[in-house]
Every structure is written in C-alpha cells, then in structure tokens.
C-alpha cells in the first residue's frame, strides 16, 4: 500500500490530464457486469481456433457440439475443458464417428466420458444428419488471401492509432478483433465504448 496509493494518484492525475478518465470508468464498469463473462453457447465454437477453415457441414457440427459442451459446463459449474478437451472436440468434428465404438476409439477419449455422455453425444451427431461423404480436412488451414490482406490493412491502422495515443496496441484491440472484422463480424470490445470512438470507426472505414 505504501507504493500503490501514490501510483494510483499519479495515474489518476495523468488520465485526467489526457482526458481519459471516462475510459477508465467504462473499463471498471465492464468488470462489474456479469454478462461480460458469459459465453453464448451458439457462439462458443467461434472461440476455438482449431475450428477455422472447416467445411460447412463440419462447421455446423462444431457449433452444436461446442454449444452442448458450453451448456454442460455451465450446468455443472466446471471448466469446459473438463467436460471435453478442445483437441478431442476437434477430433470428433473432423472424424465424425458414426457409432459409440468409433467415438470411444478416438485418441484421448476418456472411458468415463463415454460412460456418462457417449450416448447423448452420439444422439447430437446423428441429429446433425452429417453426409456420408465429407471433404478432406485441411489440417494446416490454408489462409484466405483476401482475408489475410484485409487483416494486414487493419493491423496497419491498429498500429497507427496505438502510436498516436501512445498506448500498447493490445489495449485497443486484439488480433482476434481484427480477424472478426475481416470476417464481417462487427461485435466485440473494439466496437463498443471508448474503443469504438478511438479506433473502431477507423477500422470500419478501412474495410
């Protein structure tokens, strides 16, 4: 406390001088909003990097399985990775097991999971009505040249604004924020509050 209180006073004075106290107030208010910590089950699959580049049918399966895992984790008050690990979840989506035996044979699949959740998970896979013939999965996830160019353009704006405001770039936006904008999704922190005014509108103008 001997050092923290003087540092606090100095930071408040500096933020006031720069006219950025409203930024701090918004950040602190968000930390107290429980909704910011909630994940929409239907959007949960978008948070898993290994699901990028899936064909439409597998993307549909990834969405329903990730939503199931999110709801189950919430019901049991457990980390989602304790319900089903990301790597195993991807293996299910890539291989699309057609029977409980095939599901149990997947690498790193735990017998306890099969015992307690196997039948339910197979029901979800069956209800997804996956076609028998599926395209080969590109495990390397070849990047989309147009998207890569757009992210590069947004990154240049990002760096420029960070330099202008003398702020670390990650305070303003993350790489994921830029990728979502390049995908046409305009949600997230960069499009709300003080960030939208400082950088969000300029990123939109660059699209």
Protein backbone atom coordinates (compact mmCIF):
# COMPACT_ATOMS: atom_id res chain seq x y z
CA UNK A 1 0.00 0.00 0.00
CA UNK A 2 2.96 2.31 0.63
CA UNK A 3 3.70 2.45 -3.09
CA UNK A 4 0.33 1.58 -4.61
CA UNK A 5 -1.56 4.63 -3.33
CA UNK A 6 0.95 7.17 -4.72
CA UNK A 7 0.96 5.27 -8.04
CA UNK A 8 -2.84 5.36 -8.09
CA UNK A 9 -2.87 9.11 -7.53
CA UNK A 10 -0.29 9.63 -10.26
CA UNK A 11 -2.26 7.52 -12.75
CA UNK A 12 -5.50 9.37 -11.97
CA UNK A 13 -3.77 12.71 -12.45
CA UNK A 14 -2.29 11.58 -15.77
CA UNK A 15 -5.59 10.17 -17.04
CA UNK A 16 -7.34 13.38 -16.04
CA UNK A 17 -4.74 15.46 -17.85
CA UNK A 18 -5.20 13.39 -21.00
CA UNK A 19 -8.98 13.44 -20.73
CA UNK A 20 -9.13 9.66 -20.43
CA UNK A 21 -10.84 9.23 -17.08
CA UNK A 22 -14.10 8.23 -18.85
CA UNK A 23 -12.13 5.38 -20.45
CA UNK A 24 -11.13 4.08 -17.03
CA UNK A 25 -14.69 4.45 -15.72
CA UNK A 26 -16.03 2.39 -18.64
CA UNK A 27 -13.42 -0.32 -18.10
CA UNK A 28 -14.20 -0.58 -14.39
CA UNK A 29 -17.96 -0.66 -15.07
CA UNK A 30 -17.49 -3.56 -17.51
CA UNK A 31 -15.55 -5.54 -14.91
CA UNK A 32 -18.65 -5.42 -12.72
CA UNK A 33 -21.04 -6.62 -15.44
CA UNK A 34 -21.62 -10.41 -15.13
CA UNK A 35 -22.84 -10.56 -18.74
CA UNK A 36 -19.31 -9.83 -19.96
CA UNK A 37 -18.17 -13.14 -18.53
CA UNK A 38 -20.96 -15.16 -20.12
CA UNK A 39 -20.48 -17.03 -23.38
CA UNK A 40 -23.38 -17.52 -25.78
CA UNK A 41 -23.40 -21.31 -26.33
CA UNK A 42 -24.28 -20.82 -30.01
CA UNK A 43 -21.16 -18.67 -30.45
CA UNK A 44 -18.82 -20.86 -28.37
CA UNK A 45 -17.36 -22.68 -31.36
CA UNK A 46 -16.04 -19.41 -32.78
CA UNK A 47 -13.67 -19.16 -29.81
CA UNK A 48 -11.89 -22.39 -30.76
CA UNK A 49 -9.04 -21.62 -33.13
CA UNK A 50 -8.71 -25.18 -34.40
CA UNK A 51 -12.20 -24.94 -35.91
CA UNK A 52 -11.11 -22.41 -38.51
CA UNK A 53 -11.34 -23.48 -42.14
CA UNK A 54 -13.92 -26.24 -41.66
CA UNK A 55 -16.29 -27.19 -44.46
CA UNK A 56 -19.91 -26.07 -43.92
CA UNK A 57 -21.15 -29.44 -42.61
CA UNK A 58 -18.35 -29.82 -40.09
CA UNK A 59 -18.76 -26.17 -39.06
CA UNK A 60 -22.42 -26.90 -38.33
CA UNK A 61 -21.46 -29.93 -36.25
CA UNK A 62 -18.75 -27.94 -34.45
CA UNK A 63 -21.33 -25.33 -33.49
CA UNK A 64 -23.82 -27.76 -31.98
CA UNK A 65 -21.16 -29.76 -30.12
CA UNK A 66 -19.46 -26.69 -28.70
CA UNK A 67 -22.87 -25.34 -27.64
CA UNK A 68 -23.63 -28.64 -25.90
CA UNK A 69 -20.28 -28.53 -24.08
CA UNK A 70 -20.82 -24.91 -23.03
CA UNK A 71 -24.24 -25.67 -21.58
CA UNK A 72 -22.99 -28.78 -19.81
CA UNK A 73 -20.06 -26.85 -18.29
CA UNK A 74 -22.48 -24.19 -17.09
CA UNK A 75 -24.87 -26.75 -15.60
CA UNK A 76 -22.07 -28.48 -13.71
CA UNK A 77 -20.13 -25.32 -12.90
CA UNK A 78 -16.98 -26.85 -14.39
CA UNK A 79 -14.40 -25.55 -16.87
CA UNK A 80 -15.44 -26.51 -20.40
CA UNK A 81 -12.14 -28.35 -20.88
CA UNK A 82 -13.10 -30.65 -18.01
CA UNK A 83 -16.23 -31.62 -19.89
CA UNK A 84 -14.45 -32.26 -23.19
CA UNK A 85 -11.00 -31.12 -24.25
CA UNK A 86 -10.68 -28.87 -27.32
CA UNK A 87 -8.42 -31.39 -29.08
CA UNK A 88 -10.91 -34.22 -28.55
CA UNK A 89 -13.78 -31.99 -29.64
CA UNK A 90 -11.96 -31.19 -32.87
CA UNK A 91 -11.19 -34.90 -33.41
CA UNK A 92 -14.91 -35.66 -33.17
CA UNK A 93 -15.75 -32.92 -35.67
CA UNK A 94 -13.04 -33.99 -38.12
CA UNK A 95 -13.65 -37.74 -37.96
CA UNK A 96 -17.44 -37.68 -37.41
CA UNK A 97 -17.83 -41.03 -35.62
CA UNK A 98 -20.91 -42.95 -36.71
CA UNK A 99 -21.15 -45.28 -33.71
CA UNK A 100 -20.39 -45.33 -29.99
CA UNK A 101 -17.50 -47.70 -30.73
CA UNK A 102 -15.96 -45.24 -33.18
CA UNK A 103 -16.41 -42.42 -30.68
CA UNK A 104 -14.70 -44.45 -27.93
CA UNK A 105 -11.80 -45.28 -30.26
CA UNK A 106 -10.84 -41.63 -30.79
CA UNK A 107 -7.43 -40.59 -29.49
CA UNK A 108 -7.51 -39.26 -25.90
CA UNK A 109 -11.19 -40.09 -25.49
CA UNK A 110 -11.77 -40.94 -21.83
CA UNK A 111 -13.80 -44.04 -20.90
CA UNK A 112 -15.57 -42.03 -18.19
CA UNK A 113 -16.83 -39.57 -20.78
CA UNK A 114 -18.17 -42.39 -22.94
CA UNK A 115 -19.91 -43.95 -19.95
CA UNK A 116 -21.65 -40.75 -18.84
CA UNK A 117 -22.02 -38.76 -22.07
CA UNK A 118 -21.33 -41.05 -25.03
CA UNK A 119 -24.91 -41.91 -25.92
CA UNK A 120 -26.04 -38.30 -25.63
CA UNK A 121 -23.18 -37.07 -27.80
CA UNK A 122 -23.89 -39.70 -30.45
CA UNK A 123 -27.50 -38.53 -30.46
CA UNK A 124 -26.32 -35.00 -31.20
CA UNK A 125 -24.08 -36.20 -34.02
CA UNK A 126 -26.89 -38.29 -35.51
CA UNK A 127 -29.36 -35.40 -35.31
CA UNK A 128 -26.89 -33.24 -37.25
CA UNK A 129 -27.55 -35.55 -40.25
CA UNK A 130 -23.97 -35.38 -41.49
CA UNK A 131 -23.50 -36.59 -45.08
CA UNK A 132 -21.61 -39.85 -45.54
CA UNK A 133 -19.13 -38.24 -47.93
CA UNK A 134 -17.23 -35.31 -46.45
CA UNK A 135 -14.32 -33.34 -47.91
CA UNK A 136 -10.84 -33.89 -46.57
CA UNK A 137 -9.92 -31.51 -43.75
CA UNK A 138 -7.02 -29.20 -44.44
CA UNK A 139 -5.24 -29.53 -41.09
CA UNK A 140 -2.95 -26.63 -41.87
CA UNK A 141 -5.87 -24.35 -42.51
CA UNK A 142 -4.60 -22.56 -45.61
CA UNK A 143 -5.26 -18.84 -45.12
CA UNK A 144 -7.67 -16.91 -47.29
CA UNK A 145 -5.51 -14.44 -49.27
CA UNK A 146 -8.23 -11.77 -49.28
CA UNK A 147 -8.76 -12.07 -45.54
CA UNK A 148 -5.01 -12.03 -44.87
CA UNK A 149 -4.63 -8.83 -46.88
CA UNK A 150 -7.56 -7.24 -45.07
CA UNK A 151 -6.19 -8.18 -41.63
CA UNK A 152 -2.82 -6.72 -42.65
CA UNK A 153 -4.55 -3.47 -43.66
CA UNK A 154 -6.46 -3.36 -40.36
CA UNK A 155 -3.24 -4.08 -38.46
CA UNK A 156 -1.61 -1.02 -40.04
CA UNK A 157 -4.49 1.15 -38.81
CA UNK A 158 -4.28 -0.54 -35.43
CA UNK A 159 -0.57 0.22 -35.05
CA UNK A 160 -1.03 3.79 -36.25
CA UNK A 161 -3.76 4.55 -33.70
CA UNK A 162 -1.77 2.91 -30.90
CA UNK A 163 1.21 5.09 -31.75
CA UNK A 164 -0.99 8.19 -31.95
CA UNK A 165 -2.39 7.61 -28.46
CA UNK A 166 0.88 6.24 -27.05
CA UNK A 167 -0.82 3.03 -25.96
CA UNK A 168 0.15 -0.65 -26.27
CA UNK A 169 -1.75 -1.96 -29.34
CA UNK A 170 -3.32 -4.83 -27.38
CA UNK A 171 -5.12 -2.32 -25.13
CA UNK A 172 -7.03 -1.04 -28.15
CA UNK A 173 -7.74 -4.30 -29.97
CA UNK A 174 -6.58 -7.89 -30.25
CA UNK A 175 -5.62 -9.88 -33.31
CA UNK A 176 -8.89 -11.76 -32.88
CA UNK A 177 -10.82 -8.46 -33.00
CA UNK A 178 -9.19 -7.66 -36.35
CA UNK A 179 -9.88 -11.14 -37.73
CA UNK A 180 -13.54 -10.90 -36.73
CA UNK A 181 -13.85 -7.57 -38.53
CA UNK A 182 -12.23 -9.09 -41.61
CA UNK A 183 -14.84 -11.87 -41.42
CA UNK A 184 -17.64 -9.29 -41.41
CA UNK A 185 -18.47 -9.59 -37.69
CA UNK A 186 -18.63 -6.17 -36.04
CA UNK A 187 -19.16 -7.09 -32.41
CA UNK A 188 -16.66 -7.24 -29.59
CA UNK A 189 -14.99 -4.72 -27.34
CA UNK A 190 -13.39 -2.79 -30.18
CA UNK A 191 -16.85 -1.77 -31.40
CA UNK A 192 -18.17 -0.52 -28.07
CA UNK A 193 -17.47 2.25 -25.57
CA UNK A 194 -14.44 4.47 -25.91
CA UNK A 195 -12.66 1.99 -28.20
CA UNK A 196 -15.25 2.43 -30.93
CA UNK A 197 -14.66 6.19 -30.95
CA UNK A 198 -10.87 5.91 -30.75
CA UNK A 199 -10.21 3.02 -33.16
CA UNK A 200 -13.38 1.13 -34.07
CA UNK A 201 -14.72 3.69 -36.56
CA UNK A 202 -11.32 3.97 -38.22
CA UNK A 203 -11.13 0.20 -38.61
CA UNK A 204 -14.59 0.14 -40.15
CA UNK A 205 -13.55 2.85 -42.59
CA UNK A 206 -10.62 0.67 -43.67
CA UNK A 207 -12.79 -2.34 -44.55
